[in-house]
Amino acid sequence: MRDETRIDEQEAEEMHEAMDYMQHERTWENVTNLIKWAVIQLAFIIVGLFCIIQGGAPAAGFVLIIVGLIAPIGWWLFGPKRIPT
């Protein structure tokens, strides 16, 4: 009769050693950066829409919306680059 617990522990240890932690950390960093920029974009768009609808400053609202949409692309193109390891 096999000891299922022992087999599961051995399989888990083998999977643990084979896991690519560097790729996992890069993926997590990319996800958190995506969320950060999504929140920043939404903040600019919400403030811009407020300026257009309630604030009586449609030009400022339009500029804020455009900045909110272009800023992440500008950061991606001209921001600091990470050196791959």
PDB file of N, CA and C in Angstrom:
ATOM      1  N   MET A   1       0.838  -1.176   0.000  1.00  0.00           N
ATOM      2  CA  MET A   1       0.000   0.000   0.000  1.00  0.00           C
ATOM      3  C   MET A   1       0.885   1.243   0.000  1.00  0.00           C
ATOM      4  N   ARG A   2       0.554   2.205  -0.885  1.00  0.00           N
ATOM      5  CA  ARG A   2       1.376   3.406  -1.028  1.00  0.00           C
ATOM      6  C   ARG A   2       0.964   4.474  -0.028  1.00  0.00           C
ATOM      7  N   ASP A   3       1.943   5.216   0.360  1.00  0.00           N
ATOM      8  CA  ASP A   3       1.671   6.340   1.245  1.00  0.00           C
ATOM      9  C   ASP A   3       1.475   7.579   0.360  1.00  0.00           C
ATOM     10  N   GLU A   4       0.208   7.978   0.147  1.00  0.00           N
ATOM     11  CA  GLU A   4      -0.132   9.082  -0.751  1.00  0.00           C
ATOM     12  C   GLU A   4       0.484  10.407  -0.287  1.00  0.00           C
ATOM     13  N   THR A   5       0.555  10.628   1.002  1.00  0.00           N
ATOM     14  CA  THR A   5       1.103  11.869   1.531  1.00  0.00           C
ATOM     15  C   THR A   5       2.566  12.007   1.150  1.00  0.00           C
ATOM     16  N   ARG A   6       3.301  10.951   1.251  1.00  0.00           N
ATOM     17  CA  ARG A   6       4.732  10.964   0.925  1.00  0.00           C
ATOM     18  C   ARG A   6       4.939  11.246  -0.560  1.00  0.00           C
ATOM     19  N   ILE A   7       4.145  10.670  -1.414  1.00  0.00           N
ATOM     20  CA  ILE A   7       4.265  10.900  -2.850  1.00  0.00           C
ATOM     21  C   ILE A   7       3.941  12.360  -3.168  1.00  0.00           C
ATOM     22  N   ASP A   8       2.909  12.895  -2.570  1.00  0.00           N
ATOM     23  CA  ASP A   8       2.534  14.275  -2.818  1.00  0.00           C
ATOM     24  C   ASP A   8       3.628  15.243  -2.364  1.00  0.00           C
ATOM     25  N   GLU A   9       4.272  14.964  -1.256  1.00  0.00           N
ATOM     26  CA  GLU A   9       5.353  15.825  -0.781  1.00  0.00           C
ATOM     27  C   GLU A   9       6.540  15.783  -1.739  1.00  0.00           C
ATOM     28  N   GLN A  10       6.855  14.599  -2.260  1.00  0.00           N
ATOM     29  CA  GLN A  10       7.956  14.479  -3.207  1.00  0.00           C
ATOM     30  C   GLN A  10       7.639  15.227  -4.502  1.00  0.00           C
ATOM     31  N   GLU A  11       6.430  15.078  -5.002  1.00  0.00           N
ATOM     32  CA  GLU A  11       6.040  15.784  -6.219  1.00  0.00           C
ATOM     33  C   GLU A  11       6.065  17.295  -6.008  1.00  0.00           C
ATOM     34  N   ALA A  12       5.611  17.747  -4.865  1.00  0.00           N
ATOM     35  CA  ALA A  12       5.613  19.177  -4.567  1.00  0.00           C
ATOM     36  C   ALA A  12       7.038  19.714  -4.507  1.00  0.00           C
ATOM     37  N   GLU A  13       7.943  18.953  -3.926  1.00  0.00           N
ATOM     38  CA  GLU A  13       9.339  19.387  -3.835  1.00  0.00           C
ATOM     39  C   GLU A  13       9.961  19.471  -5.232  1.00  0.00           C
ATOM     40  N   GLU A  14       9.662  18.525  -6.101  1.00  0.00           N
ATOM     41  CA  GLU A  14      10.195  18.554  -7.456  1.00  0.00           C
ATOM     42  C   GLU A  14       9.640  19.753  -8.231  1.00  0.00           C
ATOM     43  N   MET A  15       8.369  20.033  -8.072  1.00  0.00           N
ATOM     44  CA  MET A  15       7.769  21.172  -8.747  1.00  0.00           C
ATOM     45  C   MET A  15       8.344  22.475  -8.197  1.00  0.00           C
ATOM     46  N   HIS A  16       8.590  22.522  -6.908  1.00  0.00           N
ATOM     47  CA  HIS A  16       9.135  23.721  -6.272  1.00  0.00           C
ATOM     48  C   HIS A  16      10.506  24.044  -6.845  1.00  0.00           C
ATOM     49  N   GLU A  17      11.337  23.041  -7.025  1.00  0.00           N
ATOM     50  CA  GLU A  17      12.681  23.259  -7.549  1.00  0.00           C
ATOM     51  C   GLU A  17      12.655  23.671  -9.012  1.00  0.00           C
ATOM     52  N   ALA A  18      11.661  23.219  -9.764  1.00  0.00           N
ATOM     53  CA  ALA A  18      11.602  23.506 -11.189  1.00  0.00           C
ATOM     54  C   ALA A  18      10.952  24.861 -11.485  1.00  0.00           C
ATOM     55  N   MET A  19      10.410  25.519 -10.497  1.00  0.00           N
ATOM     56  CA  MET A  19       9.701  26.767 -10.717  1.00  0.00           C
ATOM     57  C   MET A  19      10.679  27.890 -11.066  1.00  0.00           C
ATOM     58  N   ASP A  20      10.304  28.728 -12.024  1.00  0.00           N
ATOM     59  CA  ASP A  20      11.141  29.824 -12.479  1.00  0.00           C
ATOM     60  C   ASP A  20      10.767  31.090 -11.712  1.00  0.00           C
ATOM     61  N   TYR A  21      11.483  31.362 -10.639  1.00  0.00           N
ATOM     62  CA  TYR A  21      11.156  32.490  -9.773  1.00  0.00           C
ATOM     63  C   TYR A  21      11.422  33.832 -10.433  1.00  0.00           C
ATOM     64  N   MET A  22      12.447  33.933 -11.257  1.00  0.00           N
ATOM     65  CA  MET A  22      12.743  35.193 -11.942  1.00  0.00           C
ATOM     66  C   MET A  22      11.587  35.584 -12.859  1.00  0.00           C
ATOM     67  N   GLN A  23      11.083  34.623 -13.614  1.00  0.00           N
ATOM     68  CA  GLN A  23       9.960  34.906 -14.505  1.00  0.00           C
ATOM     69  C   GLN A  23       8.717  35.253 -13.701  1.00  0.00           C
ATOM     70  N   HIS A  24       8.519  34.582 -12.587  1.00  0.00           N
ATOM     71  CA  HIS A  24       7.375  34.871 -11.724  1.00  0.00           C
ATOM     72  C   HIS A  24       7.451  36.307 -11.193  1.00  0.00           C
ATOM     73  N   GLU A  25       8.619  36.737 -10.766  1.00  0.00           N
ATOM     74  CA  GLU A  25       8.777  38.090 -10.243  1.00  0.00           C
ATOM     75  C   GLU A  25       8.595  39.134 -11.330  1.00  0.00           C
ATOM     76  N   ARG A  26       9.093  38.874 -12.536  1.00  0.00           N
ATOM     77  CA  ARG A  26       8.890  39.815 -13.643  1.00  0.00           C
ATOM     78  C   ARG A  26       7.419  39.920 -14.018  1.00  0.00           C
ATOM     79  N   THR A  27       6.733  38.798 -14.027  1.00  0.00           N
ATOM     80  CA  THR A  27       5.302  38.815 -14.333  1.00  0.00           C
ATOM     81  C   THR A  27       4.543  39.603 -13.273  1.00  0.00           C
ATOM     82  N   TRP A  28       4.871  39.387 -12.009  1.00  0.00           N
ATOM     83  CA  TRP A  28       4.208  40.125 -10.934  1.00  0.00           C
ATOM     84  C   TRP A  28       4.492  41.622 -11.054  1.00  0.00           C
ATOM     85  N   GLU A  29       5.725  41.991 -11.386  1.00  0.00           N
ATOM     86  CA  GLU A  29       6.068  43.399 -11.561  1.00  0.00           C
ATOM     87  C   GLU A  29       5.273  44.013 -12.716  1.00  0.00           C
ATOM     88  N   ASN A  30       5.138  43.279 -13.802  1.00  0.00           N
ATOM     89  CA  ASN A  30       4.360  43.777 -14.938  1.00  0.00           C
ATOM     90  C   ASN A  30       2.890  43.968 -14.575  1.00  0.00           C
ATOM     91  N   VAL A  31       2.332  43.041 -13.835  1.00  0.00           N
ATOM     92  CA  VAL A  31       0.926  43.150 -13.432  1.00  0.00           C
ATOM     93  C   VAL A  31       0.731  44.355 -12.512  1.00  0.00           C
ATOM     94  N   THR A  32       1.611  44.536 -11.550  1.00  0.00           N
ATOM     95  CA  THR A  32       1.450  45.674 -10.637  1.00  0.00           C
ATOM     96  C   THR A  32       1.646  47.003 -11.370  1.00  0.00           C
ATOM     97  N   ASN A  33       2.557  47.069 -12.327  1.00  0.00           N
ATOM     98  CA  ASN A  33       2.721  48.288 -13.124  1.00  0.00           C
ATOM     99  C   ASN A  33       1.483  48.559 -13.971  1.00  0.00           C
ATOM    100  N   LEU A  34       0.904  47.518 -14.532  1.00  0.00           N
ATOM    101  CA  LEU A  34      -0.320  47.680 -15.314  1.00  0.00           C
ATOM    102  C   LEU A  34      -1.454  48.234 -14.460  1.00  0.00           C
ATOM    103  N   ILE A  35      -1.602  47.721 -13.274  1.00  0.00           N
ATOM    104  CA  ILE A  35      -2.648  48.201 -12.362  1.00  0.00           C
ATOM    105  C   ILE A  35      -2.371  49.646 -11.952  1.00  0.00           C
ATOM    106  N   LYS A  36      -1.117  49.964 -11.660  1.00  0.00           N
ATOM    107  CA  LYS A  36      -0.755  51.329 -11.278  1.00  0.00           C
ATOM    108  C   LYS A  36      -1.131  52.313 -12.380  1.00  0.00           C
ATOM    109  N   TRP A  37      -0.775  51.998 -13.624  1.00  0.00           N
ATOM    110  CA  TRP A  37      -1.075  52.905 -14.719  1.00  0.00           C
ATOM    111  C   TRP A  37      -2.567  52.963 -15.017  1.00  0.00           C
ATOM    112  N   ALA A  38      -3.277  51.877 -14.807  1.00  0.00           N
ATOM    113  CA  ALA A  38      -4.732  51.899 -15.003  1.00  0.00           C
ATOM    114  C   ALA A  38      -5.386  52.839 -14.003  1.00  0.00           C
ATOM    115  N   VAL A  39      -4.939  52.827 -12.756  1.00  0.00           N
ATOM    116  CA  VAL A  39      -5.489  53.724 -11.737  1.00  0.00           C
ATOM    117  C   VAL A  39      -5.155  55.178 -12.069  1.00  0.00           C
ATOM    118  N   ILE A  40      -3.941  55.436 -12.508  1.00  0.00           N
ATOM    119  CA  ILE A  40      -3.552  56.795 -12.877  1.00  0.00           C
ATOM    120  C   ILE A  40      -4.393  57.285 -14.062  1.00  0.00           C
ATOM    121  N   GLN A  41      -4.563  56.438 -15.063  1.00  0.00           N
ATOM    122  CA  GLN A  41      -5.392  56.801 -16.209  1.00  0.00           C
ATOM    123  C   GLN A  41      -6.816  57.118 -15.790  1.00  0.00           C
ATOM    124  N   LEU A  42      -7.390  56.270 -14.980  1.00  0.00           N
ATOM    125  CA  LEU A  42      -8.766  56.496 -14.540  1.00  0.00           C
ATOM    126  C   LEU A  42      -8.904  57.788 -13.749  1.00  0.00           C
ATOM    127  N   ALA A  43      -7.915  58.110 -12.928  1.00  0.00           N
ATOM    128  CA  ALA A  43      -7.970  59.362 -12.167  1.00  0.00           C
ATOM    129  C   ALA A  43      -7.975  60.564 -13.104  1.00  0.00           C
ATOM    130  N   PHE A  44      -7.096  60.577 -14.104  1.00  0.00           N
ATOM    131  CA  PHE A  44      -7.079  61.678 -15.064  1.00  0.00           C
ATOM    132  C   PHE A  44      -8.390  61.768 -15.839  1.00  0.00           C
ATOM    133  N   ILE A  45      -8.915  60.637 -16.255  1.00  0.00           N
ATOM    134  CA  ILE A  45     -10.159  60.640 -17.029  1.00  0.00           C
ATOM    135  C   ILE A  45     -11.326  61.120 -16.179  1.00  0.00           C
ATOM    136  N   ILE A  46     -11.407  60.682 -14.942  1.00  0.00           N
ATOM    137  CA  ILE A  46     -12.512  61.107 -14.067  1.00  0.00           C
ATOM    138  C   ILE A  46     -12.440  62.605 -13.795  1.00  0.00           C
ATOM    139  N   VAL A  47     -11.246  63.112 -13.483  1.00  0.00           N
ATOM    140  CA  VAL A  47     -11.107  64.551 -13.239  1.00  0.00           C
ATOM    141  C   VAL A  47     -11.404  65.325 -14.522  1.00  0.00           C
ATOM    142  N   GLY A  48     -10.942  64.816 -15.642  1.00  0.00           N
ATOM    143  CA  GLY A  48     -11.225  65.474 -16.915  1.00  0.00           C
ATOM    144  C   GLY A  48     -12.709  65.504 -17.231  1.00  0.00           C
ATOM    145  N   LEU A  49     -13.398  64.407 -17.002  1.00  0.00           N
ATOM    146  CA  LEU A  49     -14.844  64.380 -17.236  1.00  0.00           C
ATOM    147  C   LEU A  49     -15.576  65.317 -16.277  1.00  0.00           C
ATOM    148  N   PHE A  50     -15.104  65.397 -15.046  1.00  0.00           N
ATOM    149  CA  PHE A  50     -15.712  66.336 -14.102  1.00  0.00           C
ATOM    150  C   PHE A  50     -15.553  67.770 -14.604  1.00  0.00           C
ATOM    151  N   CYS A  51     -14.355  68.108 -15.093  1.00  0.00           N
ATOM    152  CA  CYS A  51     -14.129  69.458 -15.615  1.00  0.00           C
ATOM    153  C   CYS A  51     -15.035  69.749 -16.808  1.00  0.00           C
ATOM    154  N   ILE A  52     -15.245  68.775 -17.666  1.00  0.00           N
ATOM    155  CA  ILE A  52     -16.083  68.977 -18.841  1.00  0.00           C
ATOM    156  C   ILE A  52     -17.555  69.103 -18.454  1.00  0.00           C
ATOM    157  N   ILE A  53     -18.037  68.220 -17.600  1.00  0.00           N
ATOM    158  CA  ILE A  53     -19.466  68.155 -17.310  1.00  0.00           C
ATOM    159  C   ILE A  53     -19.888  69.159 -16.249  1.00  0.00           C
ATOM    160  N   GLN A  54     -19.205  69.203 -15.118  1.00  0.00           N
ATOM    161  CA  GLN A  54     -19.632  70.032 -13.987  1.00  0.00           C
ATOM    162  C   GLN A  54     -18.799  71.285 -13.793  1.00  0.00           C
ATOM    163  N   GLY A  55     -17.532  71.218 -14.108  1.00  0.00           N
ATOM    164  CA  GLY A  55     -16.619  72.308 -13.767  1.00  0.00           C
ATOM    165  C   GLY A  55     -16.664  73.501 -14.690  1.00  0.00           C
ATOM    166  N   GLY A  56     -17.236  73.364 -15.847  1.00  0.00           N
ATOM    167  CA  GLY A  56     -17.303  74.478 -16.782  1.00  0.00           C
ATOM    168  C   GLY A  56     -15.977  74.799 -17.443  1.00  0.00           C
ATOM    169  N   ALA A  57     -15.085  73.842 -17.491  1.00  0.00           N
ATOM    170  CA  ALA A  57     -13.786  74.052 -18.136  1.00  0.00           C
ATOM    171  C   ALA A  57     -13.520  72.906 -19.109  1.00  0.00           C
ATOM    172  N   PRO A  58     -14.226  72.931 -20.256  1.00  0.00           N
ATOM    173  CA  PRO A  58     -14.076  71.805 -21.189  1.00  0.00           C
ATOM    174  C   PRO A  58     -12.672  71.675 -21.772  1.00  0.00           C
ATOM    175  N   ALA A  59     -11.964  72.784 -21.955  1.00  0.00           N
ATOM    176  CA  ALA A  59     -10.608  72.698 -22.503  1.00  0.00           C
ATOM    177  C   ALA A  59      -9.671  71.981 -21.523  1.00  0.00           C
ATOM    178  N   ALA A  60      -9.773  72.344 -20.246  1.00  0.00           N
ATOM    179  CA  ALA A  60      -8.934  71.687 -19.237  1.00  0.00           C
ATOM    180  C   ALA A  60      -9.298  70.209 -19.118  1.00  0.00           C
ATOM    181  N   GLY A  61     -10.593  69.904 -19.172  1.00  0.00           N
ATOM    182  CA  GLY A  61     -11.031  68.512 -19.108  1.00  0.00           C
ATOM    183  C   GLY A  61     -10.511  67.701 -20.272  1.00  0.00           C
ATOM    184  N   PHE A  62     -10.563  68.284 -21.467  1.00  0.00           N
ATOM    185  CA  PHE A  62     -10.055  67.596 -22.647  1.00  0.00           C
ATOM    186  C   PHE A  62      -8.560  67.327 -22.517  1.00  0.00           C
ATOM    187  N   VAL A  63      -7.813  68.315 -22.027  1.00  0.00           N
ATOM    188  CA  VAL A  63      -6.359  68.145 -21.845  1.00  0.00           C
ATOM    189  C   VAL A  63      -6.071  67.053 -20.818  1.00  0.00           C
ATOM    190  N   LEU A  64      -6.824  67.037 -19.726  1.00  0.00           N
ATOM    191  CA  LEU A  64      -6.612  66.000 -18.709  1.00  0.00           C
ATOM    192  C   LEU A  64      -6.897  64.604 -19.258  1.00  0.00           C
ATOM    193  N   ILE A  65      -7.944  64.481 -20.042  1.00  0.00           N
ATOM    194  CA  ILE A  65      -8.259  63.173 -20.624  1.00  0.00           C
ATOM    195  C   ILE A  65      -7.154  62.735 -21.577  1.00  0.00           C
ATOM    196  N   ILE A  66      -6.681  63.632 -22.411  1.00  0.00           N
ATOM    197  CA  ILE A  66      -5.600  63.294 -23.346  1.00  0.00           C
ATOM    198  C   ILE A  66      -4.329  62.923 -22.588  1.00  0.00           C
ATOM    199  N   VAL A  67      -3.988  63.687 -21.557  1.00  0.00           N
ATOM    200  CA  VAL A  67      -2.796  63.367 -20.747  1.00  0.00           C
ATOM    201  C   VAL A  67      -2.962  61.990 -20.106  1.00  0.00           C
ATOM    202  N   GLY A  68      -4.148  61.696 -19.593  1.00  0.00           N
ATOM    203  CA  GLY A  68      -4.396  60.394 -18.973  1.00  0.00           C
ATOM    204  C   GLY A  68      -4.241  59.237 -19.939  1.00  0.00           C
ATOM    205  N   LEU A  69      -4.577  59.471 -21.187  1.00  0.00           N
ATOM    206  CA  LEU A  69      -4.458  58.397 -22.177  1.00  0.00           C
ATOM    207  C   LEU A  69      -3.045  58.264 -22.741  1.00  0.00           C
ATOM    208  N   ILE A  70      -2.309  59.368 -22.816  1.00  0.00           N
ATOM    209  CA  ILE A  70      -0.989  59.340 -23.436  1.00  0.00           C
ATOM    210  C   ILE A  70       0.138  59.089 -22.436  1.00  0.00           C
ATOM    211  N   ALA A  71      -0.045  59.447 -21.169  1.00  0.00           N
ATOM    212  CA  ALA A  71       1.031  59.324 -20.179  1.00  0.00           C
ATOM    213  C   ALA A  71       1.607  57.910 -20.062  1.00  0.00           C
ATOM    214  N   PRO A  72       0.787  56.855 -19.977  1.00  0.00           N
ATOM    215  CA  PRO A  72       1.390  55.512 -19.877  1.00  0.00           C
ATOM    216  C   PRO A  72       2.198  55.123 -21.108  1.00  0.00           C
ATOM    217  N   ILE A  73       1.740  55.549 -22.276  1.00  0.00           N
ATOM    218  CA  ILE A  73       2.484  55.239 -23.497  1.00  0.00           C
ATOM    219  C   ILE A  73       3.812  55.984 -23.489  1.00  0.00           C
ATOM    220  N   GLY A  74       3.794  57.257 -23.073  1.00  0.00           N
ATOM    221  CA  GLY A  74       5.033  58.027 -22.974  1.00  0.00           C
ATOM    222  C   GLY A  74       5.999  57.434 -21.972  1.00  0.00           C
ATOM    223  N   TRP A  75       5.476  56.975 -20.838  1.00  0.00           N
ATOM    224  CA  TRP A  75       6.344  56.355 -19.825  1.00  0.00           C
ATOM    225  C   TRP A  75       6.947  55.068 -20.368  1.00  0.00           C
ATOM    226  N   TRP A  76       6.147  54.298 -21.099  1.00  0.00           N
ATOM    227  CA  TRP A  76       6.632  53.044 -21.661  1.00  0.00           C
ATOM    228  C   TRP A  76       7.736  53.314 -22.688  1.00  0.00           C
ATOM    229  N   LEU A  77       7.567  54.367 -23.492  1.00  0.00           N
ATOM    230  CA  LEU A  77       8.558  54.666 -24.518  1.00  0.00           C
ATOM    231  C   LEU A  77       9.806  55.354 -23.981  1.00  0.00           C
ATOM    232  N   PHE A  78       9.621  56.323 -23.056  1.00  0.00           N
ATOM    233  CA  PHE A  78      10.724  57.169 -22.638  1.00  0.00           C
ATOM    234  C   PHE A  78      11.140  56.992 -21.187  1.00  0.00           C
ATOM    235  N   GLY A  79      10.465  56.139 -20.456  1.00  0.00           N
ATOM    236  CA  GLY A  79      10.790  55.932 -19.047  1.00  0.00           C
ATOM    237  C   GLY A  79      12.063  55.124 -18.881  1.00  0.00           C
ATOM    238  N   PRO A  80      12.495  54.961 -17.630  1.00  0.00           N
ATOM    239  CA  PRO A  80      13.715  54.192 -17.390  1.00  0.00           C
ATOM    240  C   PRO A  80      13.546  52.733 -17.802  1.00  0.00           C
ATOM    241  N   LYS A  81      14.561  52.203 -18.394  1.00  0.00           N
ATOM    242  CA  LYS A  81      14.532  50.820 -18.875  1.00  0.00           C
ATOM    243  C   LYS A  81      15.161  49.907 -17.835  1.00  0.00           C
ATOM    244  N   ARG A  82      14.591  48.718 -17.709  1.00  0.00           N
ATOM    245  CA  ARG A  82      15.128  47.717 -16.786  1.00  0.00           C
ATOM    246  C   ARG A  82      16.103  46.839 -17.550  1.00  0.00           C
ATOM    247  N   ILE A  83      17.243  46.622 -16.967  1.00  0.00           N
ATOM    248  CA  ILE A  83      18.262  45.772 -17.595  1.00  0.00           C
ATOM    249  C   ILE A  83      17.911  44.321 -17.308  1.00  0.00           C
ATOM    250  N   PRO A  84      17.711  43.500 -18.363  1.00  0.00           N
ATOM    251  CA  PRO A  84      17.375  42.091 -18.121  1.00  0.00           C
ATOM    252  C   PRO A  84      18.538  41.352 -17.463  1.00  0.00           C
ATOM    253  N   THR A  85      18.200  40.483 -16.546  1.00  0.00           N
ATOM    254  CA  THR A  85      19.231  39.690 -15.861  1.00  0.00           C
ATOM    255  C   THR A  85      19.122  38.237 -16.214  1.00  0.00           C
TER     256      THR A  85
END
